Amino acid sequence: MIIGIETGGTKVVMAAAEVGNPEHPVTLSTVPTTSPTETLEKIAGFIAENSPGGAPSAIGVASFGPLDTRLDSSTYGRILSTPKHGWSNVDIVGSLTARFTAPIGLVTDVTGAVIGEHRWGSGRGHDDVAYLTVGTGIGVGAIVHGRIHAGTGYPEVAHVLVRRHPADTFAGVCRFHGDCVEGLASGPAIHARWGTDASSLAPDDRSLALEMEAFYLGQLLATIYYTLGSRLVVFGGGVSKSPGLPGLVAETANALIGFDYLAESGDGPLVVVSPSLGDLSGVTGALTLAQSLL
């Protein structure tokens, strides 16, 4: 059996699949993300219970971060400085290698999502795909020319600085930069700016809230297009479910990129789609990562 683990800030999704069939998990389980000791013990228990003789063939992990994914680093496999209480410097890979001899692959949670969607979901058949998640934070994973883009460990485009919407005086919530795109467009930013989530706002305020959200996320997608060449963007996370928002984001991004530029480059417009794997994008990507190790 191969095992896929997606660790998030609030929950952990775990899956087991037959070798050769990562897209078809035979067992799924979800547990809350509590303390590192308790959570990692539940992960190890799931792996042992769902592997013949307690020995999986391979394990793929897609984890929240910041995460050290550099194989040559002395802190490889560890969560770095994170706002998730108690999780800074936790050695996820080390906790698993202490219990299991199977090969272990590690990527960020959003990279796991783009792997899943690229191989089995909305990005299937495309060499260049980005996965944008907007929820508690903002994250981007990318497949460029058919390969995972990792840079110095992972893309941190959430901290790209953006132009301000003319009507926005909100300071931003990012503890590092204040008004980077995550500071202005994440779920906590929306709630802090408006006092509630967008779906609970009065119609006029909701319209402005969506306009601002599209204004900021459109700039982010234009940046991704210019730097990574991603013309297909899979848009996930809780904020993406706001009715009408994906279309507004695509419209804003394409207006910023410019029709003339698109025409001269020979590309069509940037396209924003929903994740066809739904909430299983990340864990399916983790299973696919595990399969790739065999």
Protein backbone atom coordinates (compact mmCIF):
# COMPACT_ATOMS: atom_id res chain seq x y z
CA MET A 1 0.00 0.00 0.00
CA ILE A 2 1.02 3.61 -0.56
CA ILE A 3 0.12 6.29 1.96
CA GLY A 4 -0.73 9.96 1.41
CA ILE A 5 -0.79 12.47 4.26
CA GLU A 6 -1.99 16.07 3.96
CA THR A 7 -1.34 18.06 7.12
CA GLY A 8 -3.19 21.35 7.41
CA GLY A 9 -3.45 23.97 10.10
CA THR A 10 -6.80 22.65 11.32
CA LYS A 11 -7.02 19.05 10.09
CA VAL A 12 -5.01 16.16 8.71
CA VAL A 13 -6.32 14.09 5.80
CA MET A 14 -4.84 10.60 5.46
CA ALA A 15 -5.33 8.11 2.63
CA ALA A 16 -4.18 4.65 1.64
CA ALA A 17 -4.22 3.29 -1.91
CA GLU A 18 -3.04 0.23 -3.76
CA VAL A 19 0.34 0.57 -5.45
CA GLY A 20 -0.27 1.80 -8.99
CA ASN A 21 -3.62 3.43 -8.18
CA PRO A 22 -2.92 6.66 -6.28
CA GLU A 23 -6.04 8.29 -7.73
CA HIS A 24 -8.28 5.71 -6.05
CA PRO A 25 -7.79 5.76 -2.26
CA VAL A 26 -9.30 2.74 -0.56
CA THR A 27 -9.20 4.28 2.91
CA LEU A 28 -9.64 7.90 3.97
CA SER A 29 -9.47 9.37 7.45
CA THR A 30 -9.50 12.90 8.86
CA VAL A 31 -8.32 13.99 12.30
CA PRO A 32 -7.94 17.47 13.82
CA THR A 33 -4.49 19.04 13.93
CA THR A 34 -3.79 19.30 17.65
CA SER A 35 -0.39 19.09 19.34
CA PRO A 36 2.52 17.73 17.30
CA THR A 37 2.91 14.68 19.56
CA GLU A 38 -0.75 13.70 19.40
CA THR A 39 -1.16 14.46 15.69
CA LEU A 40 1.99 12.64 14.58
CA GLU A 41 1.02 9.62 16.67
CA LYS A 42 -2.36 9.46 14.91
CA ILE A 43 -0.61 9.70 11.53
CA ALA A 44 1.75 6.86 12.45
CA GLY A 45 -1.19 4.81 13.69
CA PHE A 46 -3.07 5.26 10.43
CA ILE A 47 -0.03 4.24 8.40
CA ALA A 48 0.57 1.11 10.47
CA GLU A 49 -3.09 0.08 10.46
CA ASN A 50 -3.48 0.49 6.70
CA SER A 51 -0.27 -1.18 5.51
CA PRO A 52 0.33 -4.94 5.27
CA GLY A 53 2.42 -5.92 8.26
CA GLY A 54 2.53 -2.26 9.24
CA ALA A 55 5.01 -1.60 6.42
CA PRO A 56 3.87 0.76 3.63
CA SER A 57 5.56 0.71 0.23
CA ALA A 58 5.97 4.51 0.17
CA ILE A 59 4.69 7.60 1.97
CA GLY A 60 3.91 11.00 0.46
CA VAL A 61 3.45 14.01 2.74
CA ALA A 62 1.99 17.39 1.76
CA SER A 63 2.28 19.70 4.75
CA PHE A 64 1.53 23.22 5.87
CA GLY A 65 4.57 25.34 6.47
CA PRO A 66 6.80 27.18 6.12
CA LEU A 67 8.46 23.89 5.32
CA ASP A 68 12.06 22.95 4.57
CA THR A 69 11.88 20.73 1.48
CA ARG A 70 15.53 21.05 0.45
CA LEU A 71 17.11 17.60 0.55
CA ASP A 72 20.60 19.02 1.22
CA SER A 73 19.46 21.11 4.19
CA SER A 74 20.25 20.24 7.81
CA THR A 75 16.63 21.04 8.67
CA TYR A 76 15.05 19.09 5.80
CA GLY A 77 11.63 17.76 6.70
CA ARG A 78 10.97 20.30 9.43
CA ILE A 79 8.27 22.92 9.74
CA LEU A 80 10.06 26.23 10.20
CA SER A 81 8.78 29.33 12.05
CA THR A 82 5.00 29.02 11.84
CA PRO A 83 2.12 30.82 13.57
CA LYS A 84 0.61 27.37 14.31
CA HIS A 85 1.22 27.10 18.06
CA GLY A 86 3.74 24.45 19.05
CA TRP A 87 4.60 23.38 15.51
CA SER A 88 7.72 25.43 14.80
CA ASN A 89 10.78 23.21 14.21
CA VAL A 90 8.69 20.01 14.26
CA ASP A 91 10.45 17.27 12.28
CA ILE A 92 7.67 15.64 10.26
CA VAL A 93 9.91 13.46 8.12
CA GLY A 94 12.07 12.46 11.08
CA SER A 95 9.04 11.32 13.05
CA LEU A 96 8.11 8.99 10.19
CA THR A 97 11.59 7.65 9.40
CA ALA A 98 11.87 6.68 13.07
CA ARG A 99 8.88 4.35 12.61
CA PHE A 100 8.92 3.26 8.98
CA THR A 101 11.58 2.18 6.48
CA ALA A 102 9.56 3.15 3.39
CA PRO A 103 10.76 5.99 1.13
CA ILE A 104 9.15 9.30 2.09
CA GLY A 105 8.43 12.26 -0.20
CA LEU A 106 7.72 15.74 1.14
CA VAL A 107 6.13 18.80 -0.47
CA THR A 108 4.11 21.75 0.75
CA ASP A 109 0.35 21.33 1.04
CA VAL A 110 -0.39 23.51 -1.96
CA THR A 111 2.25 21.72 -4.04
CA GLY A 112 0.47 18.50 -3.15
CA ALA A 113 -2.75 20.04 -4.44
CA VAL A 114 -1.22 21.06 -7.77
CA ILE A 115 0.32 17.59 -8.18
CA GLY A 116 -3.10 16.02 -7.66
CA GLU A 117 -4.95 18.36 -10.00
CA HIS A 118 -2.22 18.24 -12.67
CA ARG A 119 -2.14 14.45 -12.77
CA TRP A 120 -5.78 13.55 -12.13
CA GLY A 121 -7.94 16.67 -12.05
CA SER A 122 -8.60 20.04 -13.66
CA GLY A 123 -5.00 20.44 -14.85
CA ARG A 124 -4.74 17.08 -16.56
CA GLY A 125 -3.18 17.39 -20.02
CA HIS A 126 -1.55 20.76 -19.30
CA ASP A 127 2.21 21.19 -18.86
CA ASP A 128 1.92 24.51 -17.01
CA VAL A 129 -0.54 24.68 -14.13
CA ALA A 130 -0.75 26.74 -10.96
CA TYR A 131 -2.89 25.97 -7.93
CA LEU A 132 -3.99 29.01 -5.92
CA THR A 133 -5.53 28.47 -2.51
CA VAL A 134 -7.06 31.34 -0.57
CA GLY A 135 -8.27 30.65 2.94
CA THR A 136 -6.56 31.20 6.28
CA GLY A 137 -3.52 32.07 4.19
CA ILE A 138 -2.67 32.28 0.51
CA GLY A 139 -0.53 29.69 -1.20
CA VAL A 140 0.51 28.79 -4.72
CA GLY A 141 1.91 25.55 -6.08
CA ALA A 142 3.09 25.30 -9.67
CA ILE A 143 3.88 22.75 -12.33
CA VAL A 144 6.16 24.33 -14.96
CA HIS A 145 6.91 22.41 -18.16
CA GLY A 146 5.54 19.31 -16.47
CA ARG A 147 7.82 19.56 -13.42
CA ILE A 148 7.21 20.74 -9.87
CA HIS A 149 8.49 24.28 -9.38
CA ALA A 150 10.18 24.57 -6.00
CA GLY A 151 12.63 27.48 -6.24
CA THR A 152 14.51 27.77 -2.94
CA GLY A 153 12.10 25.37 -1.30
CA TYR A 154 8.63 26.58 -2.22
CA PRO A 155 7.02 29.60 -3.92
CA GLU A 156 6.06 32.27 -1.36
CA VAL A 157 4.02 34.47 -3.67
CA ALA A 158 1.57 35.18 -0.84
CA HIS A 159 3.96 37.93 0.22
CA VAL A 160 4.09 39.70 -3.14
CA LEU A 161 3.30 43.39 -2.76
CA VAL A 162 0.32 44.66 -4.76
CA ARG A 163 -1.21 47.99 -5.70
CA ARG A 164 -3.96 49.09 -3.36
CA HIS A 165 -7.59 49.31 -4.38
CA PRO A 166 -8.55 53.02 -4.43
CA ALA A 167 -11.28 52.48 -1.82
CA ASP A 168 -9.20 50.33 0.54
CA THR A 169 -7.69 51.93 3.65
CA PHE A 170 -7.27 48.63 5.52
CA ALA A 171 -3.75 48.21 6.95
CA GLY A 172 -3.52 44.47 6.27
CA VAL A 173 -3.00 41.48 8.55
CA CYS A 174 0.35 40.00 7.47
CA ARG A 175 2.65 39.95 10.50
CA PHE A 176 5.66 40.46 8.23
CA HIS A 177 4.51 43.02 5.64
CA GLY A 178 1.04 44.22 6.57
CA ASP A 179 -0.36 44.86 3.12
CA CYS A 180 1.11 42.12 0.93
CA VAL A 181 -1.44 40.10 -1.03
CA GLU A 182 -1.97 37.69 1.88
CA GLY A 183 -2.33 40.62 4.24
CA LEU A 184 -5.06 42.14 2.08
CA ALA A 185 -6.87 39.19 0.47
CA SER A 186 -6.71 36.16 2.79
CA GLY A 187 -9.73 34.98 4.74
CA PRO A 188 -8.57 36.67 7.97
CA ALA A 189 -7.99 39.91 6.02
CA ILE A 190 -11.55 39.85 4.68
CA HIS A 191 -12.95 39.23 8.15
CA ALA A 192 -10.79 41.90 9.79
CA ARG A 193 -11.65 44.49 7.12
CA TRP A 194 -15.41 43.90 7.10
CA GLY A 195 -16.06 42.39 10.52
CA THR A 196 -17.48 39.22 8.92
CA ASP A 197 -16.99 36.99 5.90
CA ALA A 198 -18.09 38.22 2.47
CA SER A 199 -21.17 36.00 2.28
CA SER A 200 -22.69 37.71 5.33
CA LEU A 201 -22.32 41.27 4.03
CA ALA A 202 -25.10 43.51 2.75
CA PRO A 203 -25.34 43.46 -1.08
CA ASP A 204 -23.50 46.76 -1.66
CA ASP A 205 -20.70 45.89 0.75
CA ARG A 206 -20.47 42.37 -0.64
CA SER A 207 -20.08 43.73 -4.17
CA LEU A 208 -17.22 45.99 -3.05
CA ALA A 209 -15.63 43.18 -1.04
CA LEU A 210 -15.59 40.89 -4.08
CA GLU A 211 -14.28 43.72 -6.27
CA MET A 212 -11.39 44.31 -3.85
CA GLU A 213 -10.68 40.59 -3.59
CA ALA A 214 -10.57 40.24 -7.38
CA PHE A 215 -8.43 43.38 -7.62
CA TYR A 216 -5.73 41.85 -5.39
CA LEU A 217 -5.92 38.25 -6.58
CA GLY A 218 -5.99 39.39 -10.21
CA GLN A 219 -2.65 41.13 -9.66
CA LEU A 220 -1.27 37.96 -8.10
CA LEU A 221 -2.36 35.82 -11.05
CA ALA A 222 -0.92 38.31 -13.53
CA THR A 223 2.39 38.06 -11.66
CA ILE A 224 2.22 34.25 -11.79
CA TYR A 225 1.47 34.41 -15.51
CA TYR A 226 4.41 36.71 -16.21
CA THR A 227 6.91 34.77 -14.06
CA LEU A 228 5.87 31.12 -14.40
CA GLY A 229 3.84 31.15 -17.60
CA SER A 230 0.86 29.52 -15.89
CA ARG A 231 -2.16 30.11 -18.11
CA LEU A 232 -4.34 27.60 -16.26
CA VAL A 233 -4.98 28.35 -12.60
CA VAL A 234 -6.89 26.00 -10.33
CA PHE A 235 -8.52 28.16 -7.63
CA GLY A 236 -9.23 26.44 -4.31
CA GLY A 237 -9.62 27.22 -0.62
CA GLY A 238 -12.58 28.55 1.32
CA VAL A 239 -12.56 32.05 -0.19
CA SER A 240 -12.69 30.60 -3.73
CA LYS A 241 -16.22 29.37 -3.02
CA SER A 242 -17.59 32.93 -2.92
CA PRO A 243 -20.16 33.06 -5.77
CA GLY A 244 -18.86 35.00 -8.75
CA LEU A 245 -15.33 35.48 -7.42
CA PRO A 246 -13.40 33.09 -9.74
CA GLY A 247 -14.79 34.81 -12.83
CA LEU A 248 -13.99 38.27 -11.46
CA VAL A 249 -10.43 37.20 -10.64
CA ALA A 250 -9.88 35.84 -14.16
CA GLU A 251 -11.37 38.98 -15.72
CA THR A 252 -9.14 41.24 -13.62
CA ALA A 253 -6.00 39.21 -14.32
CA ASN A 254 -6.58 39.19 -18.07
CA ALA A 255 -7.24 42.93 -18.10
CA LEU A 256 -3.92 43.49 -16.32
CA ILE A 257 -2.02 41.15 -18.63
CA GLY A 258 -3.55 42.87 -21.64
CA PHE A 259 -5.17 41.51 -24.78
CA ASP A 260 -2.42 42.88 -27.03
CA TYR A 261 0.26 41.09 -25.02
CA LEU A 262 -1.68 37.83 -25.09
CA ALA A 263 -2.22 38.13 -28.84
CA GLU A 264 1.45 38.86 -29.54
CA SER A 265 2.64 36.01 -27.33
CA GLY A 266 0.33 33.58 -29.11
CA ASP A 267 -1.37 32.59 -25.87
CA GLY A 268 -5.05 32.64 -25.13
CA PRO A 269 -6.46 34.24 -21.99
CA LEU A 270 -5.60 33.07 -18.52
CA VAL A 271 -8.21 30.56 -17.37
CA VAL A 272 -9.37 30.06 -13.77
CA VAL A 273 -11.06 26.76 -12.90
CA SER A 274 -12.27 24.98 -9.78
CA PRO A 275 -10.43 21.91 -8.44
CA SER A 276 -12.20 18.87 -9.84
CA LEU A 277 -10.82 16.74 -6.99
CA GLY A 278 -12.46 19.09 -4.50
CA ASP A 279 -11.12 18.75 -0.97
CA LEU A 280 -9.05 15.69 -1.96
CA SER A 281 -6.61 17.53 -4.24
CA GLY A 282 -3.87 17.64 -1.61
CA VAL A 283 -4.07 14.09 -0.32
CA THR A 284 -4.36 12.74 -3.88
CA GLY A 285 -1.20 14.66 -4.70
CA ALA A 286 0.47 13.13 -1.65
CA LEU A 287 -0.50 9.64 -2.85
CA THR A 288 0.82 10.48 -6.32
CA LEU A 289 4.08 11.64 -4.75
CA ALA A 290 4.32 8.35 -2.87
CA GLN A 291 3.74 6.40 -6.08
CA SER A 292 6.54 8.34 -7.81
CA LEU A 293 9.04 7.03 -5.25
CA LEU A 294 8.60 3.42 -6.41
